[in-house]
Amino acid sequence: MQVSEIQWSKAEETIIKKAFEIAYQREISALLKEVREVSGSIIELEQLWRLHDFLSARRHDIDGKYHYELSTVIFVFARLIKEGWLNRDELKGLNSEKLSKISALSRM
């Protein structure tokens, strides 16, 4: 089965949307915590610009990563597992072949 040919059932689409939301909330919470810590110690303008640049880069990364598109779900979930924002158990209910692909890609 080619990744571009993968078909998702309605039940799987529900699991996918929930998993996206779980990972997104985790990553956003971690980002907010980090920004609170860093912003509290800013005393120079250069530090403020570094925070701005950091946030711009993170926004670009997060917006791209969480763009919902079924054709890329396998790759996105592998990345989210690898980065620690999602775990395999949160994908229970997906077809075992799809889970195997996600697991294999997450180990690369």
PDB file of N, CA and C in Angstrom:
ATOM      1  N   MET A   1       0.836  -1.173   0.000  1.00  0.00           N
ATOM      2  CA  MET A   1       0.000   0.000   0.000  1.00  0.00           C
ATOM      3  C   MET A   1       0.887   1.244   0.000  1.00  0.00           C
ATOM      4  N   GLN A   2       0.733   2.062  -1.025  1.00  0.00           N
ATOM      5  CA  GLN A   2       1.446   3.329  -1.105  1.00  0.00           C
ATOM      6  C   GLN A   2       0.827   4.316  -0.117  1.00  0.00           C
ATOM      7  N   VAL A   3       1.647   5.125   0.510  1.00  0.00           N
ATOM      8  CA  VAL A   3       1.136   6.080   1.477  1.00  0.00           C
ATOM      9  C   VAL A   3       0.109   7.006   0.836  1.00  0.00           C
ATOM     10  N   SER A   4       0.325   7.388  -0.408  1.00  0.00           N
ATOM     11  CA  SER A   4      -0.611   8.289  -1.090  1.00  0.00           C
ATOM     12  C   SER A   4      -1.947   7.611  -1.406  1.00  0.00           C
ATOM     13  N   GLU A   5      -1.991   6.282  -1.340  1.00  0.00           N
ATOM     14  CA  GLU A   5      -3.203   5.537  -1.652  1.00  0.00           C
ATOM     15  C   GLU A   5      -3.975   5.108  -0.411  1.00  0.00           C
ATOM     16  N   ILE A   6      -3.510   5.474   0.750  1.00  0.00           N
ATOM     17  CA  ILE A   6      -4.143   5.039   1.992  1.00  0.00           C
ATOM     18  C   ILE A   6      -5.538   5.635   2.107  1.00  0.00           C
ATOM     19  N   GLN A   7      -6.473   4.768   2.437  1.00  0.00           N
ATOM     20  CA  GLN A   7      -7.845   5.187   2.674  1.00  0.00           C
ATOM     21  C   GLN A   7      -8.107   5.157   4.173  1.00  0.00           C
ATOM     22  N   TRP A   8      -8.832   6.131   4.665  1.00  0.00           N
ATOM     23  CA  TRP A   8      -9.134   6.234   6.089  1.00  0.00           C
ATOM     24  C   TRP A   8     -10.631   6.075   6.297  1.00  0.00           C
ATOM     25  N   SER A   9     -11.005   5.254   7.258  1.00  0.00           N
ATOM     26  CA  SER A   9     -12.420   5.104   7.596  1.00  0.00           C
ATOM     27  C   SER A   9     -12.870   6.323   8.402  1.00  0.00           C
ATOM     28  N   LYS A  10     -14.169   6.469   8.551  1.00  0.00           N
ATOM     29  CA  LYS A  10     -14.709   7.578   9.358  1.00  0.00           C
ATOM     30  C   LYS A  10     -14.237   7.456  10.806  1.00  0.00           C
ATOM     31  N   ALA A  11     -14.213   6.227  11.330  1.00  0.00           N
ATOM     32  CA  ALA A  11     -13.743   6.008  12.707  1.00  0.00           C
ATOM     33  C   ALA A  11     -12.274   6.408  12.835  1.00  0.00           C
ATOM     34  N   GLU A  12     -11.464   6.064  11.828  1.00  0.00           N
ATOM     35  CA  GLU A  12     -10.048   6.437  11.853  1.00  0.00           C
ATOM     36  C   GLU A  12      -9.884   7.959  11.764  1.00  0.00           C
ATOM     37  N   GLU A  13     -10.714   8.604  10.970  1.00  0.00           N
ATOM     38  CA  GLU A  13     -10.629  10.064  10.860  1.00  0.00           C
ATOM     39  C   GLU A  13     -10.931  10.728  12.204  1.00  0.00           C
ATOM     40  N   THR A  14     -11.843  10.156  12.963  1.00  0.00           N
ATOM     41  CA  THR A  14     -12.146  10.672  14.302  1.00  0.00           C
ATOM     42  C   THR A  14     -10.930  10.527  15.212  1.00  0.00           C
ATOM     43  N   ILE A  15     -10.267   9.367  15.151  1.00  0.00           N
ATOM     44  CA  ILE A  15      -9.059   9.111  15.940  1.00  0.00           C
ATOM     45  C   ILE A  15      -7.956  10.085  15.533  1.00  0.00           C
ATOM     46  N   ILE A  16      -7.812  10.297  14.246  1.00  0.00           N
ATOM     47  CA  ILE A  16      -6.792  11.203  13.713  1.00  0.00           C
ATOM     48  C   ILE A  16      -6.997  12.619  14.243  1.00  0.00           C
ATOM     49  N   LYS A  17      -8.212  13.110  14.167  1.00  0.00           N
ATOM     50  CA  LYS A  17      -8.503  14.473  14.624  1.00  0.00           C
ATOM     51  C   LYS A  17      -8.233  14.613  16.116  1.00  0.00           C
ATOM     52  N   LYS A  18      -8.618  13.613  16.881  1.00  0.00           N
ATOM     53  CA  LYS A  18      -8.380  13.662  18.329  1.00  0.00           C
ATOM     54  C   LYS A  18      -6.879  13.643  18.629  1.00  0.00           C
ATOM     55  N   ALA A  19      -6.136  12.791  17.933  1.00  0.00           N
ATOM     56  CA  ALA A  19      -4.686  12.699  18.141  1.00  0.00           C
ATOM     57  C   ALA A  19      -3.992  14.011  17.771  1.00  0.00           C
ATOM     58  N   PHE A  20      -4.423  14.629  16.665  1.00  0.00           N
ATOM     59  CA  PHE A  20      -3.873  15.927  16.277  1.00  0.00           C
ATOM     60  C   PHE A  20      -4.092  16.942  17.405  1.00  0.00           C
ATOM     61  N   GLU A  21      -5.292  16.966  17.946  1.00  0.00           N
ATOM     62  CA  GLU A  21      -5.632  17.932  18.998  1.00  0.00           C
ATOM     63  C   GLU A  21      -4.815  17.679  20.260  1.00  0.00           C
ATOM     64  N   ILE A  22      -4.659  16.419  20.641  1.00  0.00           N
ATOM     65  CA  ILE A  22      -3.862  16.070  21.828  1.00  0.00           C
ATOM     66  C   ILE A  22      -2.426  16.560  21.664  1.00  0.00           C
ATOM     67  N   ALA A  23      -1.814  16.218  20.546  1.00  0.00           N
ATOM     68  CA  ALA A  23      -0.417  16.599  20.308  1.00  0.00           C
ATOM     69  C   ALA A  23      -0.273  18.117  20.235  1.00  0.00           C
ATOM     70  N   TYR A  24      -1.200  18.760  19.549  1.00  0.00           N
ATOM     71  CA  TYR A  24      -1.157  20.218  19.410  1.00  0.00           C
ATOM     72  C   TYR A  24      -1.237  20.890  20.779  1.00  0.00           C
ATOM     73  N   GLN A  25      -2.163  20.459  21.608  1.00  0.00           N
ATOM     74  CA  GLN A  25      -2.309  21.048  22.939  1.00  0.00           C
ATOM     75  C   GLN A  25      -1.050  20.837  23.783  1.00  0.00           C
ATOM     76  N   ARG A  26      -0.454  19.665  23.690  1.00  0.00           N
ATOM     77  CA  ARG A  26       0.787  19.408  24.430  1.00  0.00           C
ATOM     78  C   ARG A  26       1.902  20.340  23.974  1.00  0.00           C
ATOM     79  N   GLU A  27       2.043  20.456  22.668  1.00  0.00           N
ATOM     80  CA  GLU A  27       3.136  21.281  22.154  1.00  0.00           C
ATOM     81  C   GLU A  27       2.910  22.757  22.469  1.00  0.00           C
ATOM     82  N   ILE A  28       1.695  23.221  22.343  1.00  0.00           N
ATOM     83  CA  ILE A  28       1.384  24.614  22.642  1.00  0.00           C
ATOM     84  C   ILE A  28       1.591  24.897  24.128  1.00  0.00           C
ATOM     85  N   SER A  29       1.174  23.982  24.981  1.00  0.00           N
ATOM     86  CA  SER A  29       1.379  24.166  26.426  1.00  0.00           C
ATOM     87  C   SER A  29       2.861  24.262  26.767  1.00  0.00           C
ATOM     88  N   ALA A  30       3.672  23.415  26.144  1.00  0.00           N
ATOM     89  CA  ALA A  30       5.114  23.454  26.381  1.00  0.00           C
ATOM     90  C   ALA A  30       5.709  24.770  25.873  1.00  0.00           C
ATOM     91  N   LEU A  31       5.240  25.227  24.730  1.00  0.00           N
ATOM     92  CA  LEU A  31       5.722  26.486  24.168  1.00  0.00           C
ATOM     93  C   LEU A  31       5.353  27.656  25.079  1.00  0.00           C
ATOM     94  N   LEU A  32       4.130  27.681  25.552  1.00  0.00           N
ATOM     95  CA  LEU A  32       3.698  28.763  26.445  1.00  0.00           C
ATOM     96  C   LEU A  32       4.521  28.778  27.726  1.00  0.00           C
ATOM     97  N   LYS A  33       4.786  27.614  28.267  1.00  0.00           N
ATOM     98  CA  LYS A  33       5.601  27.525  29.481  1.00  0.00           C
ATOM     99  C   LYS A  33       7.004  28.093  29.219  1.00  0.00           C
ATOM    100  N   GLU A  34       7.583  27.685  28.097  1.00  0.00           N
ATOM    101  CA  GLU A  34       8.921  28.153  27.749  1.00  0.00           C
ATOM    102  C   GLU A  34       8.945  29.674  27.554  1.00  0.00           C
ATOM    103  N   VAL A  35       7.932  30.207  26.881  1.00  0.00           N
ATOM    104  CA  VAL A  35       7.878  31.650  26.633  1.00  0.00           C
ATOM    105  C   VAL A  35       7.722  32.412  27.942  1.00  0.00           C
ATOM    106  N   ARG A  36       6.909  31.901  28.846  1.00  0.00           N
ATOM    107  CA  ARG A  36       6.749  32.559  30.149  1.00  0.00           C
ATOM    108  C   ARG A  36       8.082  32.616  30.892  1.00  0.00           C
ATOM    109  N   GLU A  37       8.820  31.520  30.850  1.00  0.00           N
ATOM    110  CA  GLU A  37      10.110  31.472  31.540  1.00  0.00           C
ATOM    111  C   GLU A  37      11.108  32.441  30.921  1.00  0.00           C
ATOM    112  N   VAL A  38      11.189  32.413  29.603  1.00  0.00           N
ATOM    113  CA  VAL A  38      12.160  33.268  28.904  1.00  0.00           C
ATOM    114  C   VAL A  38      11.772  34.738  29.011  1.00  0.00           C
ATOM    115  N   SER A  39      10.518  35.048  28.810  1.00  0.00           N
ATOM    116  CA  SER A  39      10.109  36.459  28.786  1.00  0.00           C
ATOM    117  C   SER A  39      10.276  37.124  30.153  1.00  0.00           C
ATOM    118  N   GLY A  40      10.192  36.341  31.199  1.00  0.00           N
ATOM    119  CA  GLY A  40      10.370  36.905  32.535  1.00  0.00           C
ATOM    120  C   GLY A  40      11.785  37.337  32.825  1.00  0.00           C
ATOM    121  N   SER A  41      12.716  36.875  32.019  1.00  0.00           N
ATOM    122  CA  SER A  41      14.117  37.225  32.266  1.00  0.00           C
ATOM    123  C   SER A  41      14.687  38.193  31.225  1.00  0.00           C
ATOM    124  N   ILE A  42      13.837  38.709  30.359  1.00  0.00           N
ATOM    125  CA  ILE A  42      14.305  39.649  29.331  1.00  0.00           C
ATOM    126  C   ILE A  42      14.613  40.998  29.977  1.00  0.00           C
ATOM    127  N   ILE A  43      15.850  41.451  29.753  1.00  0.00           N
ATOM    128  CA  ILE A  43      16.240  42.767  30.282  1.00  0.00           C
ATOM    129  C   ILE A  43      16.865  43.656  29.206  1.00  0.00           C
ATOM    130  N   GLU A  44      17.164  43.056  28.054  1.00  0.00           N
ATOM    131  CA  GLU A  44      17.772  43.822  26.966  1.00  0.00           C
ATOM    132  C   GLU A  44      16.961  43.653  25.697  1.00  0.00           C
ATOM    133  N   LEU A  45      16.988  44.663  24.865  1.00  0.00           N
ATOM    134  CA  LEU A  45      16.241  44.638  23.614  1.00  0.00           C
ATOM    135  C   LEU A  45      16.646  43.453  22.740  1.00  0.00           C
ATOM    136  N   GLU A  46      17.924  43.143  22.701  1.00  0.00           N
ATOM    137  CA  GLU A  46      18.405  42.028  21.879  1.00  0.00           C
ATOM    138  C   GLU A  46      17.748  40.713  22.302  1.00  0.00           C
ATOM    139  N   GLN A  47      17.514  40.540  23.586  1.00  0.00           N
ATOM    140  CA  GLN A  47      16.837  39.335  24.074  1.00  0.00           C
ATOM    141  C   GLN A  47      15.388  39.294  23.581  1.00  0.00           C
ATOM    142  N   LEU A  48      14.767  40.435  23.522  1.00  0.00           N
ATOM    143  CA  LEU A  48      13.400  40.521  23.016  1.00  0.00           C
ATOM    144  C   LEU A  48      13.339  40.116  21.542  1.00  0.00           C
ATOM    145  N   TRP A  49      14.306  40.590  20.750  1.00  0.00           N
ATOM    146  CA  TRP A  49      14.332  40.246  19.323  1.00  0.00           C
ATOM    147  C   TRP A  49      14.611  38.757  19.133  1.00  0.00           C
ATOM    148  N   ARG A  50      15.445  38.193  19.980  1.00  0.00           N
ATOM    149  CA  ARG A  50      15.702  36.742  19.900  1.00  0.00           C
ATOM    150  C   ARG A  50      14.425  35.962  20.192  1.00  0.00           C
ATOM    151  N   LEU A  51      13.668  36.419  21.176  1.00  0.00           N
ATOM    152  CA  LEU A  51      12.391  35.767  21.479  1.00  0.00           C
ATOM    153  C   LEU A  51      11.438  35.891  20.296  1.00  0.00           C
ATOM    154  N   HIS A  52      11.399  37.068  19.699  1.00  0.00           N
ATOM    155  CA  HIS A  52      10.560  37.276  18.515  1.00  0.00           C
ATOM    156  C   HIS A  52      10.943  36.307  17.395  1.00  0.00           C
ATOM    157  N   ASP A  53      12.232  36.195  17.118  1.00  0.00           N
ATOM    158  CA  ASP A  53      12.697  35.297  16.062  1.00  0.00           C
ATOM    159  C   ASP A  53      12.363  33.842  16.389  1.00  0.00           C
ATOM    160  N   PHE A  54      12.558  33.466  17.641  1.00  0.00           N
ATOM    161  CA  PHE A  54      12.228  32.114  18.092  1.00  0.00           C
ATOM    162  C   PHE A  54      10.741  31.829  17.876  1.00  0.00           C
ATOM    163  N   LEU A  55       9.892  32.760  18.295  1.00  0.00           N
ATOM    164  CA  LEU A  55       8.451  32.566  18.146  1.00  0.00           C
ATOM    165  C   LEU A  55       8.027  32.520  16.683  1.00  0.00           C
ATOM    166  N   SER A  56       8.641  33.323  15.854  1.00  0.00           N
ATOM    167  CA  SER A  56       8.322  33.294  14.419  1.00  0.00           C
ATOM    168  C   SER A  56       8.654  31.935  13.819  1.00  0.00           C
ATOM    169  N   ALA A  57       9.810  31.403  14.176  1.00  0.00           N
ATOM    170  CA  ALA A  57      10.221  30.091  13.673  1.00  0.00           C
ATOM    171  C   ALA A  57       9.296  28.994  14.191  1.00  0.00           C
ATOM    172  N   ARG A  58       8.965  29.056  15.467  1.00  0.00           N
ATOM    173  CA  ARG A  58       8.069  28.045  16.057  1.00  0.00           C
ATOM    174  C   ARG A  58       6.681  28.109  15.423  1.00  0.00           C
ATOM    175  N   ARG A  59       6.202  29.317  15.168  1.00  0.00           N
ATOM    176  CA  ARG A  59       4.877  29.451  14.535  1.00  0.00           C
ATOM    177  C   ARG A  59       4.880  28.795  13.163  1.00  0.00           C
ATOM    178  N   HIS A  60       5.908  29.063  12.394  1.00  0.00           N
ATOM    179  CA  HIS A  60       6.028  28.460  11.057  1.00  0.00           C
ATOM    180  C   HIS A  60       6.045  26.933  11.170  1.00  0.00           C
ATOM    181  N   ASP A  61       6.839  26.407  12.088  1.00  0.00           N
ATOM    182  CA  ASP A  61       6.945  24.962  12.284  1.00  0.00           C
ATOM    183  C   ASP A  61       5.614  24.360  12.719  1.00  0.00           C
ATOM    184  N   ILE A  62       4.987  24.957  13.708  1.00  0.00           N
ATOM    185  CA  ILE A  62       3.738  24.420  14.250  1.00  0.00           C
ATOM    186  C   ILE A  62       2.607  24.521  13.225  1.00  0.00           C
ATOM    187  N   ASP A  63       2.499  25.644  12.553  1.00  0.00           N
ATOM    188  CA  ASP A  63       1.450  25.792  11.536  1.00  0.00           C
ATOM    189  C   ASP A  63       1.587  24.740  10.434  1.00  0.00           C
ATOM    190  N   GLY A  64       2.800  24.484  10.015  1.00  0.00           N
ATOM    191  CA  GLY A  64       3.016  23.471   8.983  1.00  0.00           C
ATOM    192  C   GLY A  64       2.785  22.061   9.486  1.00  0.00           C
ATOM    193  N   LYS A  65       3.258  21.792  10.679  1.00  0.00           N
ATOM    194  CA  LYS A  65       3.153  20.445  11.249  1.00  0.00           C
ATOM    195  C   LYS A  65       1.709  20.034  11.479  1.00  0.00           C
ATOM    196  N   TYR A  66       0.883  20.948  11.951  1.00  0.00           N
ATOM    197  CA  TYR A  66      -0.490  20.604  12.309  1.00  0.00           C
ATOM    198  C   TYR A  66      -1.505  20.951  11.226  1.00  0.00           C
ATOM    199  N   HIS A  67      -1.026  21.171  10.013  1.00  0.00           N
ATOM    200  CA  HIS A  67      -1.930  21.355   8.883  1.00  0.00           C
ATOM    201  C   HIS A  67      -2.575  19.997   8.595  1.00  0.00           C
ATOM    202  N   TYR A  68      -3.870  19.918   8.765  1.00  0.00           N
ATOM    203  CA  TYR A  68      -4.589  18.642   8.648  1.00  0.00           C
ATOM    204  C   TYR A  68      -4.782  18.264   7.191  1.00  0.00           C
ATOM    205  N   GLU A  69      -4.111  17.200   6.801  1.00  0.00           N
ATOM    206  CA  GLU A  69      -4.242  16.670   5.451  1.00  0.00           C
ATOM    207  C   GLU A  69      -4.057  15.158   5.533  1.00  0.00           C
ATOM    208  N   LEU A  70      -5.076  14.415   5.135  1.00  0.00           N
ATOM    209  CA  LEU A  70      -5.037  12.956   5.285  1.00  0.00           C
ATOM    210  C   LEU A  70      -3.874  12.310   4.534  1.00  0.00           C
ATOM    211  N   SER A  71      -3.437  12.915   3.458  1.00  0.00           N
ATOM    212  CA  SER A  71      -2.351  12.318   2.679  1.00  0.00           C
ATOM    213  C   SER A  71      -1.006  12.342   3.411  1.00  0.00           C
ATOM    214  N   THR A  72      -0.889  13.162   4.455  1.00  0.00           N
ATOM    215  CA  THR A  72       0.385  13.256   5.175  1.00  0.00           C
ATOM    216  C   THR A  72       0.321  12.756   6.622  1.00  0.00           C
ATOM    217  N   VAL A  73      -0.827  12.256   7.033  1.00  0.00           N
ATOM    218  CA  VAL A  73      -1.028  11.853   8.429  1.00  0.00           C
ATOM    219  C   VAL A  73       0.025  10.856   8.911  1.00  0.00           C
ATOM    220  N   ILE A  74       0.348   9.868   8.107  1.00  0.00           N
ATOM    221  CA  ILE A  74       1.338   8.853   8.498  1.00  0.00           C
ATOM    222  C   ILE A  74       2.655   9.535   8.883  1.00  0.00           C
ATOM    223  N   PHE A  75       3.106  10.457   8.067  1.00  0.00           N
ATOM    224  CA  PHE A  75       4.381  11.137   8.309  1.00  0.00           C
ATOM    225  C   PHE A  75       4.296  12.091   9.507  1.00  0.00           C
ATOM    226  N   VAL A  76       3.193  12.808   9.602  1.00  0.00           N
ATOM    227  CA  VAL A  76       3.024  13.745  10.718  1.00  0.00           C
ATOM    228  C   VAL A  76       2.979  12.992  12.035  1.00  0.00           C
ATOM    229  N   PHE A  77       2.217  11.898  12.105  1.00  0.00           N
ATOM    230  CA  PHE A  77       2.146  11.136  13.347  1.00  0.00           C
ATOM    231  C   PHE A  77       3.493  10.521  13.709  1.00  0.00           C
ATOM    232  N   ALA A  78       4.232  10.066  12.727  1.00  0.00           N
ATOM    233  CA  ALA A  78       5.572   9.531  13.000  1.00  0.00           C
ATOM    234  C   ALA A  78       6.448  10.622  13.610  1.00  0.00           C
ATOM    235  N   ARG A  79       6.363  11.813  13.058  1.00  0.00           N
ATOM    236  CA  ARG A  79       7.147  12.938  13.579  1.00  0.00           C
ATOM    237  C   ARG A  79       6.704  13.303  14.992  1.00  0.00           C
ATOM    238  N   LEU A  80       5.398  13.350  15.221  1.00  0.00           N
ATOM    239  CA  LEU A  80       4.882  13.712  16.542  1.00  0.00           C
ATOM    240  C   LEU A  80       5.286  12.692  17.598  1.00  0.00           C
ATOM    241  N   ILE A  81       5.304  11.428  17.234  1.00  0.00           N
ATOM    242  CA  ILE A  81       5.754  10.384  18.163  1.00  0.00           C
ATOM    243  C   ILE A  81       7.240  10.554  18.437  1.00  0.00           C
ATOM    244  N   LYS A  82       8.005  10.758  17.384  1.00  0.00           N
ATOM    245  CA  LYS A  82       9.446  10.929  17.527  1.00  0.00           C
ATOM    246  C   LYS A  82       9.788  12.136  18.400  1.00  0.00           C
ATOM    247  N   GLU A  83       9.030  13.211  18.261  1.00  0.00           N
ATOM    248  CA  GLU A  83       9.273  14.426  19.034  1.00  0.00           C
ATOM    249  C   GLU A  83       8.687  14.349  20.447  1.00  0.00           C
ATOM    250  N   GLY A  84       7.881  13.316  20.720  1.00  0.00           N
ATOM    251  CA  GLY A  84       7.327  13.137  22.061  1.00  0.00           C
ATOM    252  C   GLY A  84       5.998  13.826  22.319  1.00  0.00           C
ATOM    253  N   TRP A  85       5.355  14.353  21.295  1.00  0.00           N
ATOM    254  CA  TRP A  85       4.071  15.032  21.479  1.00  0.00           C
ATOM    255  C   TRP A  85       2.893  14.073  21.437  1.00  0.00           C
ATOM    256  N   LEU A  86       3.135  12.877  20.962  1.00  0.00           N
ATOM    257  CA  LEU A  86       2.091  11.875  20.808  1.00  0.00           C
ATOM    258  C   LEU A  86       2.690  10.522  21.122  1.00  0.00           C
ATOM    259  N   ASN A  87       1.874   9.607  21.618  1.00  0.00           N
ATOM    260  CA  ASN A  87       2.381   8.247  21.785  1.00  0.00           C
ATOM    261  C   ASN A  87       1.508   7.274  21.010  1.00  0.00           C
ATOM    262  N   ARG A  88       2.078   6.150  20.710  1.00  0.00           N
ATOM    263  CA  ARG A  88       1.418   5.165  19.847  1.00  0.00           C
ATOM    264  C   ARG A  88       0.067   4.736  20.401  1.00  0.00           C
ATOM    265  N   ASP A  89      -0.066   4.641  21.707  1.00  0.00           N
ATOM    266  CA  ASP A  89      -1.322   4.220  22.322  1.00  0.00           C
ATOM    267  C   ASP A  89      -2.476   5.164  21.987  1.00  0.00           C
ATOM    268  N   GLU A  90      -2.162   6.412  21.717  1.00  0.00           N
ATOM    269  CA  GLU A  90      -3.201   7.382  21.393  1.00  0.00           C
ATOM    270  C   GLU A  90      -3.719   7.219  19.965  1.00  0.00           C
ATOM    271  N   LEU A  91      -3.146   6.287  19.255  1.00  0.00           N
ATOM    272  CA  LEU A  91      -3.586   6.005  17.889  1.00  0.00           C
ATOM    273  C   LEU A  91      -4.341   4.675  17.794  1.00  0.00           C
ATOM    274  N   LYS A  92      -4.669   4.105  18.951  1.00  0.00           N
ATOM    275  CA  LYS A  92      -5.425   2.848  18.964  1.00  0.00           C
ATOM    276  C   LYS A  92      -6.707   3.018  18.166  1.00  0.00           C
ATOM    277  N   GLY A  93      -6.980   2.017  17.365  1.00  0.00           N
ATOM    278  CA  GLY A  93      -8.160   2.058  16.518  1.00  0.00           C
ATOM    279  C   GLY A  93      -7.814   2.243  15.058  1.00  0.00           C
ATOM    280  N   LEU A  94      -6.575   2.691  14.791  1.00  0.00           N
ATOM    281  CA  LEU A  94      -6.130   2.760  13.400  1.00  0.00           C
ATOM    282  C   LEU A  94      -5.772   1.355  12.936  1.00  0.00           C
ATOM    283  N   ASN A  95      -5.889   1.123  11.677  1.00  0.00           N
ATOM    284  CA  ASN A  95      -5.528  -0.147  11.060  1.00  0.00           C
ATOM    285  C   ASN A  95      -4.090  -0.525  11.442  1.00  0.00           C
ATOM    286  N   SER A  96      -3.858  -1.811  11.721  1.00  0.00           N
ATOM    287  CA  SER A  96      -2.537  -2.262  12.177  1.00  0.00           C
ATOM    288  C   SER A  96      -1.437  -1.988  11.149  1.00  0.00           C
ATOM    289  N   GLU A  97      -1.749  -2.056   9.878  1.00  0.00           N
ATOM    290  CA  GLU A  97      -0.745  -1.768   8.846  1.00  0.00           C
ATOM    291  C   GLU A  97      -0.338  -0.289   8.894  1.00  0.00           C
ATOM    292  N   LYS A  98      -1.297   0.578   9.128  1.00  0.00           N
ATOM    293  CA  LYS A  98      -1.009   2.011   9.233  1.00  0.00           C
ATOM    294  C   LYS A  98      -0.181   2.287  10.485  1.00  0.00           C
ATOM    295  N   LEU A  99      -0.547   1.645  11.584  1.00  0.00           N
ATOM    296  CA  LEU A  99       0.221   1.806  12.821  1.00  0.00           C
ATOM    297  C   LEU A  99       1.655   1.324  12.643  1.00  0.00           C
ATOM    298  N   SER A 100       1.830   0.229  11.914  1.00  0.00           N
ATOM    299  CA  SER A 100       3.180  -0.290  11.653  1.00  0.00           C
ATOM    300  C   SER A 100       4.010   0.713  10.864  1.00  0.00           C
ATOM    301  N   LYS A 101       3.401   1.333   9.867  1.00  0.00           N
ATOM    302  CA  LYS A 101       4.106   2.345   9.068  1.00  0.00           C
ATOM    303  C   LYS A 101       4.505   3.541   9.939  1.00  0.00           C
ATOM    304  N   ILE A 102       3.578   3.983  10.775  1.00  0.00           N
ATOM    305  CA  ILE A 102       3.852   5.116  11.650  1.00  0.00           C
ATOM    306  C   ILE A 102       4.986   4.766  12.601  1.00  0.00           C
ATOM    307  N   SER A 103       4.925   3.581  13.198  1.00  0.00           N
ATOM    308  CA  SER A 103       5.969   3.148  14.139  1.00  0.00           C
ATOM    309  C   SER A 103       7.327   3.063  13.449  1.00  0.00           C
ATOM    310  N   ALA A 104       7.361   2.472  12.277  1.00  0.00           N
ATOM    311  CA  ALA A 104       8.629   2.332  11.561  1.00  0.00           C
ATOM    312  C   ALA A 104       9.217   3.692  11.224  1.00  0.00           C
ATOM    313  N   LEU A 105       8.395   4.599  10.747  1.00  0.00           N
ATOM    314  CA  LEU A 105       8.879   5.942  10.392  1.00  0.00           C
ATOM    315  C   LEU A 105       9.324   6.722  11.631  1.00  0.00           C
ATOM    316  N   SER A 106       8.675   6.496  12.748  1.00  0.00           N
ATOM    317  CA  SER A 106       9.040   7.237  13.959  1.00  0.00           C
ATOM    318  C   SER A 106      10.397   6.818  14.507  1.00  0.00           C
ATOM    319  N   ARG A 107      10.883   5.663  14.093  1.00  0.00           N
ATOM    320  CA  ARG A 107      12.198   5.177  14.544  1.00  0.00           C
ATOM    321  C   ARG A 107      13.322   5.615  13.615  1.00  0.00           C
ATOM    322  N   MET A 108      13.012   6.285  12.539  1.00  0.00           N
ATOM    323  CA  MET A 108      14.040   6.712  11.574  1.00  0.00           C
ATOM    324  C   MET A 108      14.707   7.985  12.036  1.00  0.00           C
TER     325      MET A 108
END
